[in-house]
C-alpha atoms as a PDB file:
ATOM      1  CA  UNK A   1       0.000   0.000   0.000  1.00  0.00           C
ATOM      2  CA  UNK A   2       1.170   3.514  -0.818  1.00  0.00           C
ATOM      3  CA  UNK A   3       0.078   6.984   0.322  1.00  0.00           C
ATOM      4  CA  UNK A   4       0.254  10.196  -1.664  1.00  0.00           C
ATOM      5  CA  UNK A   5      -0.429  13.291   0.413  1.00  0.00           C
ATOM      6  CA  UNK A   6      -1.626  16.577  -1.000  1.00  0.00           C
ATOM      7  CA  UNK A   7       0.165  19.814  -0.254  1.00  0.00           C
ATOM      8  CA  UNK A   8      -1.480  21.983   2.351  1.00  0.00           C
ATOM      9  CA  UNK A   9      -4.743  21.114   4.068  1.00  0.00           C
ATOM     10  CA  UNK A  10      -6.473  18.026   2.685  1.00  0.00           C
ATOM     11  CA  UNK A  11     -10.219  17.860   2.017  1.00  0.00           C
ATOM     12  CA  UNK A  12     -10.574  14.083   2.267  1.00  0.00           C
ATOM     13  CA  UNK A  13      -8.910  10.753   1.487  1.00  0.00           C
ATOM     14  CA  UNK A  14      -9.456   8.811  -1.747  1.00  0.00           C
ATOM     15  CA  UNK A  15      -8.893   5.034  -1.648  1.00  0.00           C
ATOM     16  CA  UNK A  16      -8.569   3.526  -5.135  1.00  0.00           C
ATOM     17  CA  UNK A  17      -9.066  -0.171  -5.966  1.00  0.00           C
ATOM     18  CA  UNK A  18      -7.722  -1.284  -9.348  1.00  0.00           C
ATOM     19  CA  UNK A  19      -9.074  -3.961 -11.651  1.00  0.00           C
ATOM     20  CA  UNK A  20      -7.971  -7.393 -12.832  1.00  0.00           C
ATOM     21  CA  UNK A  21      -4.585  -7.840 -14.549  1.00  0.00           C
ATOM     22  CA  UNK A  22      -3.354  -4.364 -13.616  1.00  0.00           C
ATOM     23  CA  UNK A  23      -1.632  -2.551 -10.731  1.00  0.00           C
ATOM     24  CA  UNK A  24      -1.327   0.804  -8.969  1.00  0.00           C
ATOM     25  CA  UNK A  25       1.357   2.063 -11.351  1.00  0.00           C
ATOM     26  CA  UNK A  26      -1.245   2.492 -14.077  1.00  0.00           C
ATOM     27  CA  UNK A  27      -3.043   5.120 -11.984  1.00  0.00           C
ATOM     28  CA  UNK A  28      -0.309   7.748 -11.857  1.00  0.00           C
ATOM     29  CA  UNK A  29      -2.341  10.344 -13.759  1.00  0.00           C
ATOM     30  CA  UNK A  30      -5.480   9.831 -11.663  1.00  0.00           C
ATOM     31  CA  UNK A  31      -3.549   9.842  -8.391  1.00  0.00           C
ATOM     32  CA  UNK A  32      -1.888  13.134  -9.284  1.00  0.00           C
ATOM     33  CA  UNK A  33      -5.221  14.666 -10.338  1.00  0.00           C
ATOM     34  CA  UNK A  34      -6.725  13.891  -6.930  1.00  0.00           C
ATOM     35  CA  UNK A  35      -3.607  14.911  -5.025  1.00  0.00           C
ATOM     36  CA  UNK A  36      -3.306  18.235  -6.860  1.00  0.00           C
ATOM     37  CA  UNK A  37      -7.013  18.868  -6.169  1.00  0.00           C
ATOM     38  CA  UNK A  38      -6.494  18.684  -2.408  1.00  0.00           C
ATOM     39  CA  UNK A  39      -7.003  15.017  -1.613  1.00  0.00           C
ATOM     40  CA  UNK A  40      -4.784  12.411  -0.014  1.00  0.00           C
ATOM     41  CA  UNK A  41      -4.725   9.156  -1.988  1.00  0.00           C
ATOM     42  CA  UNK A  42      -4.189   5.589  -0.791  1.00  0.00           C
ATOM     43  CA  UNK A  43      -3.766   2.655  -3.126  1.00  0.00           C
ATOM     44  CA  UNK A  44      -2.028  -0.700  -3.282  1.00  0.00           C
ATOM     45  CA  UNK A  45      -1.672  -3.752  -5.488  1.00  0.00           C
ATOM     46  CA  UNK A  46      -4.230  -6.507  -5.023  1.00  0.00           C
ATOM     47  CA  UNK A  47      -3.037 -10.025  -4.118  1.00  0.00           C
ATOM     48  CA  UNK A  48      -1.476 -11.826  -7.083  1.00  0.00           C
ATOM     49  CA  UNK A  49      -1.054  -8.626  -9.062  1.00  0.00           C
ATOM     50  CA  UNK A  50       1.474  -5.861  -9.511  1.00  0.00           C
ATOM     51  CA  UNK A  51       4.314  -5.899  -6.997  1.00  0.00           C
ATOM     52  CA  UNK A  52       2.587  -8.220  -4.507  1.00  0.00           C
ATOM     53  CA  UNK A  53       4.110 -11.374  -5.961  1.00  0.00           C
ATOM     54  CA  UNK A  54       6.074 -12.776  -8.846  1.00  0.00           C
ATOM     55  CA  UNK A  55       5.511 -16.484  -8.215  1.00  0.00           C
ATOM     56  CA  UNK A  56       1.739 -16.486  -7.759  1.00  0.00           C
ATOM     57  CA  UNK A  57       0.658 -13.955 -10.367  1.00  0.00           C
ATOM     58  CA  UNK A  58      -2.952 -14.045 -11.489  1.00  0.00           C
ATOM     59  CA  UNK A  59      -4.031 -16.438  -8.739  1.00  0.00           C
ATOM     60  CA  UNK A  60      -6.039 -16.185  -5.508  1.00  0.00           C
ATOM     61  CA  UNK A  61      -7.377 -18.844  -3.181  1.00  0.00           C
ATOM     62  CA  UNK A  62     -10.474 -16.847  -2.307  1.00  0.00           C
ATOM     63  CA  UNK A  63     -12.132 -13.559  -3.307  1.00  0.00           C
ATOM     64  CA  UNK A  64     -12.068 -12.673   0.386  1.00  0.00           C
ATOM     65  CA  UNK A  65      -8.336 -12.000  -0.010  1.00  0.00           C
ATOM     66  CA  UNK A  66      -9.238  -8.958  -2.080  1.00  0.00           C
ATOM     67  CA  UNK A  67     -11.872  -7.804   0.394  1.00  0.00           C
ATOM     68  CA  UNK A  68      -9.500  -8.100   3.357  1.00  0.00           C
ATOM     69  CA  UNK A  69      -6.755  -6.234   1.504  1.00  0.00           C
ATOM     70  CA  UNK A  70      -8.990  -3.281   0.700  1.00  0.00           C
ATOM     71  CA  UNK A  71     -10.226  -3.200   4.304  1.00  0.00           C
ATOM     72  CA  UNK A  72      -6.612  -2.614   5.344  1.00  0.00           C
ATOM     73  CA  UNK A  73      -6.315   0.298   2.917  1.00  0.00           C
ATOM     74  CA  UNK A  74      -9.463   1.873   4.330  1.00  0.00           C
ATOM     75  CA  UNK A  75      -8.187   1.442   7.886  1.00  0.00           C
ATOM     76  CA  UNK A  76      -5.039   3.302   6.835  1.00  0.00           C
ATOM     77  CA  UNK A  77      -7.192   6.093   5.401  1.00  0.00           C
ATOM     78  CA  UNK A  78      -9.000   6.516   8.731  1.00  0.00           C
ATOM     79  CA  UNK A  79      -5.720   7.554  10.328  1.00  0.00           C
ATOM     80  CA  UNK A  80      -5.929  10.936   8.574  1.00  0.00           C
ATOM     81  CA  UNK A  81      -9.204  11.628  10.459  1.00  0.00           C
ATOM     82  CA  UNK A  82     -10.824  12.969   7.287  1.00  0.00           C
ATOM     83  CA  UNK A  83     -13.818  11.848   5.207  1.00  0.00           C
ATOM     84  CA  UNK A  84     -12.958   8.737   3.211  1.00  0.00           C
ATOM     85  CA  UNK A  85     -14.133   7.967  -0.328  1.00  0.00           C
ATOM     86  CA  UNK A  86     -13.729   4.650  -2.122  1.00  0.00           C
ATOM     87  CA  UNK A  87     -13.220   4.341  -5.894  1.00  0.00           C
ATOM     88  CA  UNK A  88     -13.361   0.874  -7.448  1.00  0.00           C
ATOM     89  CA  UNK A  89     -12.640   0.198 -11.111  1.00  0.00           C
ATOM     90  CA  UNK A  90     -13.835  -2.944 -12.909  1.00  0.00           C
ATOM     91  CA  UNK A  91     -12.984  -5.910 -10.641  1.00  0.00           C
ATOM     92  CA  UNK A  92     -12.117  -3.256  -8.063  1.00  0.00           C
ATOM     93  CA  UNK A  93     -15.736  -2.142  -8.358  1.00  0.00           C
ATOM     94  CA  UNK A  94     -16.902  -5.696  -7.710  1.00  0.00           C
ATOM     95  CA  UNK A  95     -14.590  -5.907  -4.695  1.00  0.00           C
ATOM     96  CA  UNK A  96     -16.074  -2.643  -3.442  1.00  0.00           C
ATOM     97  CA  UNK A  97     -19.612  -3.993  -3.822  1.00  0.00           C
ATOM     98  CA  UNK A  98     -18.756  -7.196  -1.988  1.00  0.00           C
ATOM     99  CA  UNK A  99     -17.014  -5.209   0.752  1.00  0.00           C
ATOM    100  CA  UNK A 100     -20.110  -3.054   1.244  1.00  0.00           C
ATOM    101  CA  UNK A 101     -22.205  -6.212   1.493  1.00  0.00           C
ATOM    102  CA  UNK A 102     -19.936  -7.745   4.126  1.00  0.00           C
ATOM    103  CA  UNK A 103     -18.961  -4.751   6.253  1.00  0.00           C
ATOM    104  CA  UNK A 104     -20.286  -1.465   7.620  1.00  0.00           C
ATOM    105  CA  UNK A 105     -17.623   1.129   6.948  1.00  0.00           C
ATOM    106  CA  UNK A 106     -17.259   4.822   7.661  1.00  0.00           C
ATOM    107  CA  UNK A 107     -17.354   6.102   4.074  1.00  0.00           C
ATOM    108  CA  UNK A 108     -18.499   9.476   2.794  1.00  0.00           C
ATOM    109  CA  UNK A 109     -19.192   8.111  -0.670  1.00  0.00           C
ATOM    110  CA  UNK A 110     -18.338   5.506  -3.292  1.00  0.00           C
ATOM    111  CA  UNK A 111     -17.562   5.696  -7.015  1.00  0.00           C
ATOM    112  CA  UNK A 112     -17.775   2.584  -9.187  1.00  0.00           C
ATOM    113  CA  UNK A 113     -16.049   2.746 -12.566  1.00  0.00           C
ATOM    114  CA  UNK A 114     -17.314   0.139 -15.072  1.00  0.00           C
ATOM    115  CA  UNK A 115     -17.848  -2.315 -12.179  1.00  0.00           C
ATOM    116  CA  UNK A 116     -17.431  -5.977 -13.090  1.00  0.00           C
ATOM    117  CA  UNK A 117     -20.882  -7.394 -12.341  1.00  0.00           C
ATOM    118  CA  UNK A 118     -21.158  -9.077 -15.751  1.00  0.00           C
ATOM    119  CA  UNK A 119     -18.831  -9.888 -18.652  1.00  0.00           C
ATOM    120  CA  UNK A 120     -19.250  -9.186 -22.353  1.00  0.00           C
ATOM    121  CA  UNK A 121     -17.572 -12.486 -23.259  1.00  0.00           C
ATOM    122  CA  UNK A 122     -17.691 -15.700 -21.235  1.00  0.00           C
ATOM    123  CA  UNK A 123     -16.240 -19.176 -21.847  1.00  0.00           C
ATOM    124  CA  UNK A 124     -18.350 -21.745 -23.682  1.00  0.00           C
ATOM    125  CA  UNK A 125     -20.711 -23.855 -21.591  1.00  0.00           C
ATOM    126  CA  UNK A 126     -18.345 -26.826 -22.000  1.00  0.00           C
ATOM    127  CA  UNK A 127     -15.325 -24.870 -20.755  1.00  0.00           C
ATOM    128  CA  UNK A 128     -17.354 -23.401 -17.903  1.00  0.00           C
ATOM    129  CA  UNK A 129     -18.337 -26.905 -16.732  1.00  0.00           C
ATOM    130  CA  UNK A 130     -14.754 -28.106 -17.211  1.00  0.00           C
ATOM    131  CA  UNK A 131     -13.450 -25.258 -15.055  1.00  0.00           C
ATOM    132  CA  UNK A 132     -15.388 -26.605 -12.052  1.00  0.00           C
ATOM    133  CA  UNK A 133     -13.383 -29.842 -12.163  1.00  0.00           C
ATOM    134  CA  UNK A 134     -10.065 -28.101 -12.782  1.00  0.00           C
ATOM    135  CA  UNK A 135     -10.811 -25.789  -9.855  1.00  0.00           C
ATOM    136  CA  UNK A 136     -10.754 -28.852  -7.594  1.00  0.00           C
ATOM    137  CA  UNK A 137      -7.746 -30.737  -8.948  1.00  0.00           C
ATOM    138  CA  UNK A 138      -5.538 -27.928 -10.305  1.00  0.00           C
ATOM    139  CA  UNK A 139      -6.900 -24.539  -9.129  1.00  0.00           C
ATOM    140  CA  UNK A 140      -3.702 -22.615  -9.859  1.00  0.00           C
ATOM    141  CA  UNK A 141      -3.683 -23.558 -13.555  1.00  0.00           C
ATOM    142  CA  UNK A 142      -3.330 -20.302 -15.469  1.00  0.00           C
ATOM    143  CA  UNK A 143      -4.984 -19.586 -18.770  1.00  0.00           C
ATOM    144  CA  UNK A 144      -4.986 -16.605 -21.109  1.00  0.00           C
ATOM    145  CA  UNK A 145      -7.341 -13.970 -19.721  1.00  0.00           C
ATOM    146  CA  UNK A 146      -8.604 -13.082 -23.185  1.00  0.00           C
ATOM    147  CA  UNK A 147      -8.166  -9.395 -22.380  1.00  0.00           C
ATOM    148  CA  UNK A 148      -6.027  -6.997 -24.384  1.00  0.00           C
ATOM    149  CA  UNK A 149      -4.921  -3.394 -23.991  1.00  0.00           C
ATOM    150  CA  UNK A 150      -6.837  -2.586 -27.183  1.00  0.00           C
ATOM    151  CA  UNK A 151     -10.068  -3.670 -25.479  1.00  0.00           C
ATOM    152  CA  UNK A 152      -9.411  -1.514 -22.426  1.00  0.00           C
ATOM    153  CA  UNK A 153      -8.895   1.962 -23.865  1.00  0.00           C
ATOM    154  CA  UNK A 154      -8.794   4.052 -27.034  1.00  0.00           C
ATOM    155  CA  UNK A 155      -5.924   6.088 -25.588  1.00  0.00           C
ATOM    156  CA  UNK A 156      -2.941   5.206 -27.806  1.00  0.00           C
ATOM    157  CA  UNK A 157      -0.378   6.550 -25.323  1.00  0.00           C
ATOM    158  CA  UNK A 158      -1.751   4.312 -22.567  1.00  0.00           C
ATOM    159  CA  UNK A 159      -1.836   1.326 -24.932  1.00  0.00           C
ATOM    160  CA  UNK A 160       1.828   1.777 -25.796  1.00  0.00           C
ATOM    161  CA  UNK A 161       2.813   1.885 -22.118  1.00  0.00           C
ATOM    162  CA  UNK A 162       0.734  -1.191 -21.314  1.00  0.00           C
ATOM    163  CA  UNK A 163       2.254  -3.232 -24.126  1.00  0.00           C
ATOM    164  CA  UNK A 164       5.663  -2.760 -22.461  1.00  0.00           C
ATOM    165  CA  UNK A 165       4.432  -3.192 -18.881  1.00  0.00           C
ATOM    166  CA  UNK A 166       6.060  -6.285 -17.345  1.00  0.00           C
ATOM    167  CA  UNK A 167       3.663  -6.139 -14.360  1.00  0.00           C
ATOM    168  CA  UNK A 168       0.581  -6.493 -16.544  1.00  0.00           C
ATOM    169  CA  UNK A 169      -0.933  -9.924 -15.857  1.00  0.00           C
ATOM    170  CA  UNK A 170      -1.977 -11.817 -18.992  1.00  0.00           C
ATOM    171  CA  UNK A 171      -2.825 -15.215 -17.493  1.00  0.00           C
ATOM    172  CA  UNK A 172      -5.319 -15.806 -14.683  1.00  0.00           C
ATOM    173  CA  UNK A 173      -5.888 -19.011 -12.741  1.00  0.00           C
ATOM    174  CA  UNK A 174      -8.975 -21.216 -12.934  1.00  0.00           C
ATOM    175  CA  UNK A 175      -9.611 -20.566  -9.224  1.00  0.00           C
ATOM    176  CA  UNK A 176      -9.496 -16.821  -9.859  1.00  0.00           C
ATOM    177  CA  UNK A 177     -12.125 -17.186 -12.587  1.00  0.00           C
ATOM    178  CA  UNK A 178     -14.436 -19.327 -10.439  1.00  0.00           C
ATOM    179  CA  UNK A 179     -14.088 -16.863  -7.541  1.00  0.00           C
ATOM    180  CA  UNK A 180     -14.850 -13.943  -9.863  1.00  0.00           C
ATOM    181  CA  UNK A 181     -18.003 -15.628 -11.192  1.00  0.00           C
ATOM    182  CA  UNK A 182     -19.130 -16.460  -7.659  1.00  0.00           C
ATOM    183  CA  UNK A 183     -18.560 -12.863  -6.519  1.00  0.00           C
ATOM    184  CA  UNK A 184     -20.601 -11.488  -9.424  1.00  0.00           C
ATOM    185  CA  UNK A 185     -23.493 -13.773  -8.490  1.00  0.00           C
ATOM    186  CA  UNK A 186     -23.323 -12.681  -4.854  1.00  0.00           C
ATOM    187  CA  UNK A 187     -23.244  -9.014  -5.924  1.00  0.00           C
ATOM    188  CA  UNK A 188     -26.760  -9.556  -7.264  1.00  0.00           C
ATOM    189  CA  UNK A 189     -27.940 -12.258  -4.867  1.00  0.00           C
ATOM    190  CA  UNK A 190     -27.113 -10.272  -1.727  1.00  0.00           C
ATOM    191  CA  UNK A 191     -27.844  -6.823  -3.130  1.00  0.00           C
ATOM    192  CA  UNK A 192     -30.196  -6.077  -0.227  1.00  0.00           C
ATOM    193  CA  UNK A 193     -27.255  -6.335   2.184  1.00  0.00           C
ATOM    194  CA  UNK A 194     -25.283  -3.469   0.643  1.00  0.00           C
ATOM    195  CA  UNK A 195     -24.402  -0.590   2.939  1.00  0.00           C
ATOM    196  CA  UNK A 196     -26.444   2.532   2.219  1.00  0.00           C
ATOM    197  CA  UNK A 197     -23.794   5.038   1.143  1.00  0.00           C
ATOM    198  CA  UNK A 198     -23.950   7.782  -1.509  1.00  0.00           C
ATOM    199  CA  UNK A 199     -22.835   6.160  -4.754  1.00  0.00           C
ATOM    200  CA  UNK A 200     -21.875   7.271  -8.244  1.00  0.00           C
ATOM    201  CA  UNK A 201     -21.762   4.517 -10.857  1.00  0.00           C
ATOM    202  CA  UNK A 202     -20.006   5.468 -14.092  1.00  0.00           C
ATOM    203  CA  UNK A 203     -20.119   3.076 -17.017  1.00  0.00           C
ATOM    204  CA  UNK A 204     -18.270   3.031 -20.322  1.00  0.00           C
ATOM    205  CA  UNK A 205     -20.717   3.306 -23.197  1.00  0.00           C
ATOM    206  CA  UNK A 206     -18.656   1.117 -25.540  1.00  0.00           C
ATOM    207  CA  UNK A 207     -17.289  -1.319 -22.976  1.00  0.00           C
ATOM    208  CA  UNK A 208     -15.527  -4.324 -24.544  1.00  0.00           C
ATOM    209  CA  UNK A 209     -14.979  -6.098 -21.211  1.00  0.00           C
ATOM    210  CA  UNK A 210     -17.853  -5.479 -18.782  1.00  0.00           C
ATOM    211  CA  UNK A 211     -21.485  -5.965 -19.801  1.00  0.00           C
ATOM    212  CA  UNK A 212     -22.992  -2.508 -19.398  1.00  0.00           C
ATOM    213  CA  UNK A 213     -26.535  -3.908 -19.273  1.00  0.00           C
ATOM    214  CA  UNK A 214     -25.589  -5.927 -16.200  1.00  0.00           C
ATOM    215  CA  UNK A 215     -24.204  -2.773 -14.598  1.00  0.00           C
ATOM    216  CA  UNK A 216     -27.431  -0.868 -15.286  1.00  0.00           C
ATOM    217  CA  UNK A 217     -29.478  -3.745 -13.901  1.00  0.00           C
ATOM    218  CA  UNK A 218     -27.408  -3.899 -10.717  1.00  0.00           C
ATOM    219  CA  UNK A 219     -27.641  -0.122 -10.284  1.00  0.00           C
ATOM    220  CA  UNK A 220     -31.417  -0.130 -10.698  1.00  0.00           C
ATOM    221  CA  UNK A 221     -31.771  -2.889  -8.102  1.00  0.00           C
ATOM    222  CA  UNK A 222     -29.368  -1.383  -5.536  1.00  0.00           C
ATOM    223  CA  UNK A 223     -31.438  -0.170  -2.528  1.00  0.00           C
ATOM    224  CA  UNK A 224     -29.496   3.044  -1.982  1.00  0.00           C
ATOM    225  CA  UNK A 225     -30.934   6.312  -0.696  1.00  0.00           C
ATOM    226  CA  UNK A 226     -28.625   8.392  -2.889  1.00  0.00           C
ATOM    227  CA  UNK A 227     -27.304   7.017  -6.149  1.00  0.00           C
ATOM    228  CA  UNK A 228     -26.324   8.456  -9.516  1.00  0.00           C
ATOM    229  CA  UNK A 229     -25.665   6.722 -12.820  1.00  0.00           C
ATOM    230  CA  UNK A 230     -23.569   8.194 -15.624  1.00  0.00           C
ATOM    231  CA  UNK A 231     -22.793   6.511 -18.933  1.00  0.00           C
ATOM    232  CA  UNK A 232     -19.921   7.854 -20.986  1.00  0.00           C
ATOM    233  CA  UNK A 233     -20.768   7.375 -24.696  1.00  0.00           C
ATOM    234  CA  UNK A 234     -17.998   6.042 -26.962  1.00  0.00           C
ATOM    235  CA  UNK A 235     -15.686   5.350 -24.007  1.00  0.00           C
ATOM    236  CA  UNK A 236     -14.003   1.978 -23.701  1.00  0.00           C
ATOM    237  CA  UNK A 237     -13.732   0.130 -20.383  1.00  0.00           C
ATOM    238  CA  UNK A 238     -11.113   2.294 -18.640  1.00  0.00           C
ATOM    239  CA  UNK A 239     -12.938   5.600 -18.443  1.00  0.00           C
ATOM    240  CA  UNK A 240     -10.155   7.170 -16.353  1.00  0.00           C
ATOM    241  CA  UNK A 241      -7.681   6.421 -19.162  1.00  0.00           C
ATOM    242  CA  UNK A 242      -9.815   7.453 -22.114  1.00  0.00           C
ATOM    243  CA  UNK A 243      -9.224  10.625 -24.187  1.00  0.00           C
ATOM    244  CA  UNK A 244     -12.173  12.098 -22.249  1.00  0.00           C
ATOM    245  CA  UNK A 245     -10.583  11.344 -18.886  1.00  0.00           C
ATOM    246  CA  UNK A 246     -10.285  14.971 -17.733  1.00  0.00           C
ATOM    247  CA  UNK A 247     -14.041  15.389 -18.142  1.00  0.00           C
ATOM    248  CA  UNK A 248     -14.602  12.065 -16.358  1.00  0.00           C
ATOM    249  CA  UNK A 249     -12.378  13.219 -13.512  1.00  0.00           C
ATOM    250  CA  UNK A 250     -14.170  16.555 -13.152  1.00  0.00           C
ATOM    251  CA  UNK A 251     -17.517  14.741 -12.995  1.00  0.00           C
ATOM    252  CA  UNK A 252     -16.125  12.474 -10.269  1.00  0.00           C
ATOM    253  CA  UNK A 253     -14.687  15.402  -8.367  1.00  0.00           C
ATOM    254  CA  UNK A 254     -18.033  17.218  -8.541  1.00  0.00           C
ATOM    255  CA  UNK A 255     -19.705  14.198  -6.931  1.00  0.00           C
ATOM    256  CA  UNK A 256     -17.165  14.034  -4.119  1.00  0.00           C
ATOM    257  CA  UNK A 257     -17.152  17.794  -3.529  1.00  0.00           C
ATOM    258  CA  UNK A 258     -20.940  17.655  -3.335  1.00  0.00           C
ATOM    259  CA  UNK A 259     -20.826  14.947  -0.685  1.00  0.00           C
ATOM    260  CA  UNK A 260     -18.355  16.993   1.344  1.00  0.00           C
ATOM    261  CA  UNK A 261     -20.612  20.047   1.168  1.00  0.00           C
ATOM    262  CA  UNK A 262     -23.548  17.912   2.315  1.00  0.00           C
ATOM    263  CA  UNK A 263     -21.454  16.905   5.333  1.00  0.00           C
ATOM    264  CA  UNK A 264     -20.824  20.552   6.163  1.00  0.00           C
ATOM    265  CA  UNK A 265     -17.290  20.848   4.809  1.00  0.00           C
ATOM    266  CA  UNK A 266     -16.206  23.979   2.975  1.00  0.00           C
ATOM    267  CA  UNK A 267     -14.953  22.933  -0.457  1.00  0.00           C
END
């Protein structure tokens, strides 16, 4: 876990949870945007990704490993004694949802970015059935994720960096896949258990990875007192990396500033 502190007096703390295959290093632009806007930022690499491990890349034993890791990041954010906001992208959005179903946290608001509650492409029925058996006898078997940098963003500069990124995970384990599928089902099945916190859900309009209809369905079902949905037309999956990312950031910042004003903070 890493901390980036703003200069001067901070407004709040932003905890960012990245998605599958990636790591915190891909969020340099977003981290600096928050920091330069008066926010502390906390972020780490999820288990099996980034700098957490070299020998067990792309593998987890249980989705709860992700949930417990993010809980630690939030606990670190509390130490600043400021309002805390949670941003989850893609699988990080799914982790955030599951965390809010399992725990009751002191959060001022949550932003989900193209949350992974459904996939645009899934394995064939035969391979899906086969994966259940492999999950028992050889759970750490890694297979090509089927994801590419071209599917993630239209930003050519980001694509070029990603193609040379040695920390980018290209193979995920069978156990990881089964745990992901199970978590997506629970996200819907236990939707009534989600903590009632102000939430902004932003979805890529031309998402090649996450099924945007599933995201809309989940959002409509979520029993939240205050929730806002924003679709970004033409954007690929990684809305914070797209050519429109400055506009996306300003929209996100407006949501967070609004929550701070509602809490009585001068922004």
